[in-house]
Protein backbone atom coordinates (compact mmCIF):
# COMPACT_ATOMS: atom_id res chain seq x y z
CA MET A 1 -87.18 -45.64 90.50
CA LEU A 2 -83.86 -46.90 91.80
CA THR A 3 -83.73 -46.39 95.57
CA VAL A 4 -83.93 -42.61 95.44
CA PHE A 5 -87.42 -42.39 96.91
CA GLN A 6 -86.63 -45.02 99.53
CA ASN A 7 -84.03 -42.66 100.98
CA GLN A 8 -86.29 -39.65 101.54
CA SER A 9 -85.37 -39.34 105.23
CA GLU A 10 -81.63 -39.18 104.52
CA ILE A 11 -82.15 -36.79 101.61
CA ARG A 12 -84.23 -34.49 103.83
CA GLN A 13 -81.49 -34.50 106.50
CA PHE A 14 -78.78 -33.65 103.96
CA CYS A 15 -80.89 -30.87 102.47
CA GLU A 16 -81.65 -29.30 105.84
CA LYS A 17 -78.00 -29.46 106.89
CA MET A 18 -76.75 -28.04 103.57
CA LYS A 19 -79.37 -25.24 103.45
CA VAL A 20 -81.07 -26.56 100.31
CA LYS A 21 -84.29 -24.90 99.19
CA ARG A 22 -85.18 -27.48 96.51
CA LEU A 23 -83.61 -30.68 95.15
CA PHE A 24 -84.60 -32.49 91.96
CA LEU A 25 -83.59 -35.74 90.34
CA THR A 26 -83.01 -35.32 86.61
CA GLY A 27 -81.56 -37.23 83.68
CA GLN A 28 -82.41 -40.57 82.12
CA VAL A 29 -83.40 -42.25 85.38
CA VAL A 30 -86.44 -39.93 85.61
CA ASN A 31 -87.83 -41.24 82.30
CA ASP A 32 -86.74 -44.87 82.73
CA PRO A 33 -87.32 -46.15 86.28
CA ASP A 34 -85.89 -49.57 85.41
CA LEU A 35 -82.57 -48.11 84.28
CA SER A 36 -79.46 -49.13 86.19
CA PRO A 37 -77.59 -45.84 86.04
CA LEU A 38 -73.84 -45.37 86.10
CA CYS A 39 -74.36 -41.98 87.77
CA LEU A 40 -77.17 -39.82 89.14
CA GLU A 41 -77.96 -36.26 88.11
CA PHE A 42 -79.49 -33.73 90.48
CA LEU A 43 -80.54 -30.09 90.29
CA VAL A 44 -80.20 -28.07 93.47
CA GLU A 45 -81.39 -24.65 94.58
CA PHE A 46 -79.84 -23.34 97.79
CA GLU A 47 -81.65 -21.10 100.27
CA ASN A 48 -78.93 -18.46 99.87
CA PRO A 49 -76.77 -18.99 96.77
CA ASP A 50 -74.54 -16.05 97.74
CA THR A 51 -73.55 -17.45 101.13
CA PRO A 52 -69.81 -17.26 101.87
CA ASN A 53 -69.64 -21.05 102.42
CA TYR A 54 -71.42 -21.91 99.15
CA PHE A 55 -68.72 -24.33 97.95
CA GLU A 56 -68.66 -26.13 101.30
CA LEU A 57 -72.43 -26.65 101.09
CA TYR A 58 -72.34 -27.64 97.41
CA TYR A 59 -69.57 -30.23 97.77
CA GLY A 60 -70.93 -31.41 101.11
CA LEU A 61 -74.27 -32.23 99.47
CA CYS A 62 -72.58 -33.83 96.47
CA ASN A 63 -70.42 -36.05 98.69
CA ALA A 64 -73.35 -36.99 100.93
CA LEU A 65 -75.45 -38.05 97.92
CA GLU A 66 -72.53 -39.99 96.47
CA GLN A 67 -72.08 -41.92 99.72
CA LEU A 68 -75.81 -42.57 100.03
CA PHE A 69 -76.25 -43.99 96.53
CA GLY A 70 -72.77 -45.38 95.88
CA LEU A 71 -72.71 -43.73 92.44
CA PRO A 72 -71.00 -40.69 90.95
CA ILE A 73 -73.18 -37.61 91.34
CA TYR A 74 -73.59 -34.75 88.89
CA LEU A 75 -74.99 -31.81 90.83
CA THR A 76 -76.08 -28.66 88.98
CA ASP A 77 -77.07 -25.47 90.77
CA ILE A 78 -80.26 -24.12 89.17
CA ASP A 79 -79.19 -20.53 89.90
CA ARG A 80 -75.98 -21.02 87.87
CA ILE A 81 -77.74 -22.11 84.64
CA THR A 82 -77.63 -19.13 82.30
CA ASN A 83 -78.65 -20.75 79.01
CA PRO A 84 -82.46 -20.50 78.64
CA ALA A 85 -82.68 -23.61 76.43
CA VAL A 86 -80.78 -25.72 78.95
CA ARG A 87 -82.90 -24.36 81.81
CA LYS A 88 -86.12 -25.14 79.91
CA ASN A 89 -84.99 -28.70 79.13
CA LEU A 90 -83.99 -29.39 82.73
CA ASN A 91 -87.26 -27.92 84.04
CA GLN A 92 -89.26 -30.34 81.87
CA ASN A 93 -87.32 -33.45 82.84
CA ARG A 94 -87.07 -33.58 86.63
CA GLU A 95 -88.60 -35.14 89.72
CA GLN A 96 -88.72 -33.08 92.94
CA LEU A 97 -87.18 -34.78 95.97
CA TYR A 98 -87.06 -31.90 98.47
CA PRO A 99 -88.98 -30.20 100.03
């Protein structure tokens, strides 16, 4: 599946630094490992979503992933998804990367 799982060490470092509780890969690349994606989609859950530096952590993680994979990153915070149908769909189509 792309090189996502080959970069586990870097992903773990980013997640620890950015106070991530869980990180998932989602989107078409989960269902089609041979796909050459134009972007990567991730779901993130932070340890403390109400932290004062939330946006710094969010964009820091997004930028770190973008540099690591050389692709645009779409990062969605699980705690910000309010639509139950969207949440259910994303929960069924994901691959956990961290922890």
